[in-house]
């Protein structure tokens, strides 16, 4: 059996909520009642218009009125599942939320 460490502060995680929404966010803090995240993004299934291939896009969790540095509280009762995001998802999330492009491989010049 594979035992994985629980996600902790500053980890980028994928969260499935009880209403069906899937988020990717960075954990700011957590306690037994509340999960606090920063820069939450909705993960939305989409289709590439050029190739017709399915894919995933990220959209802001809050469209207007929220400062990105705010810690968003999510009741632990609404979290169905939470796992650390894989390397590709983490790279895309950082690029989307910070504007920093992370190379897939090679040297940074």
C-alpha atoms as a PDB file:
ATOM      1  CA  UNK A   1       0.000   0.000   0.000  1.00  0.00           C
ATOM      2  CA  UNK A   2       1.337   3.430  -0.937  1.00  0.00           C
ATOM      3  CA  UNK A   3       1.188   5.913   1.913  1.00  0.00           C
ATOM      4  CA  UNK A   4       1.284   9.547   0.819  1.00  0.00           C
ATOM      5  CA  UNK A   5       1.872  12.476   3.127  1.00  0.00           C
ATOM      6  CA  UNK A   6      -1.082  14.782   3.652  1.00  0.00           C
ATOM      7  CA  UNK A   7      -0.901  18.124   1.850  1.00  0.00           C
ATOM      8  CA  UNK A   8       0.438  20.889   4.081  1.00  0.00           C
ATOM      9  CA  UNK A   9       0.903  24.660   4.057  1.00  0.00           C
ATOM     10  CA  UNK A  10       2.215  26.053   0.741  1.00  0.00           C
ATOM     11  CA  UNK A  11       1.443  22.869  -1.205  1.00  0.00           C
ATOM     12  CA  UNK A  12      -0.443  23.292  -4.480  1.00  0.00           C
ATOM     13  CA  UNK A  13      -3.463  20.990  -4.244  1.00  0.00           C
ATOM     14  CA  UNK A  14      -6.404  19.791  -6.296  1.00  0.00           C
ATOM     15  CA  UNK A  15      -9.658  19.899  -4.329  1.00  0.00           C
ATOM     16  CA  UNK A  16     -12.990  18.266  -5.195  1.00  0.00           C
ATOM     17  CA  UNK A  17     -15.875  20.073  -3.489  1.00  0.00           C
ATOM     18  CA  UNK A  18     -19.230  18.556  -2.533  1.00  0.00           C
ATOM     19  CA  UNK A  19     -21.005  20.687  -5.180  1.00  0.00           C
ATOM     20  CA  UNK A  20     -18.869  19.057  -7.910  1.00  0.00           C
ATOM     21  CA  UNK A  21     -16.445  21.949  -8.473  1.00  0.00           C
ATOM     22  CA  UNK A  22     -12.770  21.096  -8.836  1.00  0.00           C
ATOM     23  CA  UNK A  23     -10.250  23.663  -7.651  1.00  0.00           C
ATOM     24  CA  UNK A  24      -6.516  24.023  -7.758  1.00  0.00           C
ATOM     25  CA  UNK A  25      -5.061  26.306  -5.099  1.00  0.00           C
ATOM     26  CA  UNK A  26      -2.227  26.814  -2.641  1.00  0.00           C
ATOM     27  CA  UNK A  27      -2.859  25.885   0.992  1.00  0.00           C
ATOM     28  CA  UNK A  28      -2.386  28.897   3.278  1.00  0.00           C
ATOM     29  CA  UNK A  29      -3.542  27.240   6.504  1.00  0.00           C
ATOM     30  CA  UNK A  30      -5.921  24.570   7.743  1.00  0.00           C
ATOM     31  CA  UNK A  31      -7.614  23.311  10.850  1.00  0.00           C
ATOM     32  CA  UNK A  32     -10.199  20.551  11.424  1.00  0.00           C
ATOM     33  CA  UNK A  33     -13.080  22.880  10.465  1.00  0.00           C
ATOM     34  CA  UNK A  34     -11.636  25.116   7.731  1.00  0.00           C
ATOM     35  CA  UNK A  35      -9.204  24.934   4.835  1.00  0.00           C
ATOM     36  CA  UNK A  36      -7.700  28.307   3.880  1.00  0.00           C
ATOM     37  CA  UNK A  37      -6.392  28.625   0.316  1.00  0.00           C
ATOM     38  CA  UNK A  38      -4.892  31.400  -1.782  1.00  0.00           C
ATOM     39  CA  UNK A  39      -5.366  32.066  -5.491  1.00  0.00           C
ATOM     40  CA  UNK A  40      -8.013  29.378  -6.069  1.00  0.00           C
ATOM     41  CA  UNK A  41      -8.711  28.500  -9.696  1.00  0.00           C
ATOM     42  CA  UNK A  42     -11.591  26.412 -11.086  1.00  0.00           C
ATOM     43  CA  UNK A  43     -10.555  23.532 -13.291  1.00  0.00           C
ATOM     44  CA  UNK A  44     -12.851  23.340 -16.321  1.00  0.00           C
ATOM     45  CA  UNK A  45     -12.986  20.679 -19.039  1.00  0.00           C
ATOM     46  CA  UNK A  46     -12.601  22.202 -22.482  1.00  0.00           C
ATOM     47  CA  UNK A  47     -11.863  21.267 -26.060  1.00  0.00           C
ATOM     48  CA  UNK A  48      -8.961  22.558 -28.133  1.00  0.00           C
ATOM     49  CA  UNK A  49     -10.595  24.349 -31.097  1.00  0.00           C
ATOM     50  CA  UNK A  50      -7.707  23.446 -33.403  1.00  0.00           C
ATOM     51  CA  UNK A  51      -7.360  19.737 -32.642  1.00  0.00           C
ATOM     52  CA  UNK A  52     -10.684  18.863 -31.039  1.00  0.00           C
ATOM     53  CA  UNK A  53      -8.796  17.184 -28.202  1.00  0.00           C
ATOM     54  CA  UNK A  54     -10.195  17.464 -24.669  1.00  0.00           C
ATOM     55  CA  UNK A  55      -8.201  19.398 -22.105  1.00  0.00           C
ATOM     56  CA  UNK A  56      -8.388  21.323 -18.863  1.00  0.00           C
ATOM     57  CA  UNK A  57      -8.431  25.092 -18.435  1.00  0.00           C
ATOM     58  CA  UNK A  58      -8.159  27.159 -15.290  1.00  0.00           C
ATOM     59  CA  UNK A  59     -10.584  29.974 -14.568  1.00  0.00           C
ATOM     60  CA  UNK A  60     -10.692  32.354 -11.590  1.00  0.00           C
ATOM     61  CA  UNK A  61     -12.728  31.021  -8.666  1.00  0.00           C
ATOM     62  CA  UNK A  62     -13.920  34.589  -7.993  1.00  0.00           C
ATOM     63  CA  UNK A  63     -14.551  36.653 -11.123  1.00  0.00           C
ATOM     64  CA  UNK A  64     -14.634  40.061  -9.426  1.00  0.00           C
ATOM     65  CA  UNK A  65     -14.265  41.635  -6.031  1.00  0.00           C
ATOM     66  CA  UNK A  66     -11.616  39.432  -4.451  1.00  0.00           C
ATOM     67  CA  UNK A  67      -7.993  40.297  -3.813  1.00  0.00           C
ATOM     68  CA  UNK A  68      -5.758  37.402  -4.877  1.00  0.00           C
ATOM     69  CA  UNK A  69      -3.753  37.645  -1.641  1.00  0.00           C
ATOM     70  CA  UNK A  70      -6.848  36.914   0.494  1.00  0.00           C
ATOM     71  CA  UNK A  71      -7.005  33.571   2.275  1.00  0.00           C
ATOM     72  CA  UNK A  72     -10.270  31.979   1.089  1.00  0.00           C
ATOM     73  CA  UNK A  73     -11.960  29.840   3.742  1.00  0.00           C
ATOM     74  CA  UNK A  74     -13.483  26.543   2.621  1.00  0.00           C
ATOM     75  CA  UNK A  75     -15.394  24.459   5.130  1.00  0.00           C
ATOM     76  CA  UNK A  76     -13.765  21.049   5.550  1.00  0.00           C
ATOM     77  CA  UNK A  77     -17.340  19.654   5.406  1.00  0.00           C
ATOM     78  CA  UNK A  78     -17.447  20.644   1.716  1.00  0.00           C
ATOM     79  CA  UNK A  79     -14.115  19.049   0.783  1.00  0.00           C
ATOM     80  CA  UNK A  80     -14.739  15.598  -0.707  1.00  0.00           C
ATOM     81  CA  UNK A  81     -11.141  14.907  -1.682  1.00  0.00           C
ATOM     82  CA  UNK A  82      -7.833  16.786  -1.678  1.00  0.00           C
ATOM     83  CA  UNK A  83      -4.514  15.668  -3.180  1.00  0.00           C
ATOM     84  CA  UNK A  84      -1.230  17.330  -4.021  1.00  0.00           C
ATOM     85  CA  UNK A  85      -1.301  18.550  -7.618  1.00  0.00           C
ATOM     86  CA  UNK A  86       0.935  16.695 -10.055  1.00  0.00           C
ATOM     87  CA  UNK A  87       3.991  18.403 -11.567  1.00  0.00           C
ATOM     88  CA  UNK A  88       2.233  19.528 -14.787  1.00  0.00           C
ATOM     89  CA  UNK A  89      -0.768  20.944 -12.936  1.00  0.00           C
ATOM     90  CA  UNK A  90       1.506  22.740 -10.451  1.00  0.00           C
ATOM     91  CA  UNK A  91       3.597  24.239 -13.254  1.00  0.00           C
ATOM     92  CA  UNK A  92       0.500  25.488 -15.112  1.00  0.00           C
ATOM     93  CA  UNK A  93      -1.054  26.841 -11.896  1.00  0.00           C
ATOM     94  CA  UNK A  94       2.096  28.814 -11.007  1.00  0.00           C
ATOM     95  CA  UNK A  95       2.260  30.177 -14.548  1.00  0.00           C
ATOM     96  CA  UNK A  96      -1.434  31.204 -14.470  1.00  0.00           C
ATOM     97  CA  UNK A  97      -1.360  32.823 -11.034  1.00  0.00           C
ATOM     98  CA  UNK A  98       2.028  34.529 -11.127  1.00  0.00           C
ATOM     99  CA  UNK A  99       2.753  35.181 -14.783  1.00  0.00           C
ATOM    100  CA  UNK A 100       6.051  33.296 -14.419  1.00  0.00           C
ATOM    101  CA  UNK A 101       6.610  30.846 -17.260  1.00  0.00           C
ATOM    102  CA  UNK A 102       8.318  27.664 -16.073  1.00  0.00           C
ATOM    103  CA  UNK A 103      10.326  25.823 -18.743  1.00  0.00           C
ATOM    104  CA  UNK A 104       9.491  22.160 -19.228  1.00  0.00           C
ATOM    105  CA  UNK A 105      13.160  21.179 -19.256  1.00  0.00           C
ATOM    106  CA  UNK A 106      16.626  22.484 -19.919  1.00  0.00           C
ATOM    107  CA  UNK A 107      18.549  25.433 -18.599  1.00  0.00           C
ATOM    108  CA  UNK A 108      17.120  28.799 -17.720  1.00  0.00           C
ATOM    109  CA  UNK A 109      19.176  31.476 -19.438  1.00  0.00           C
END
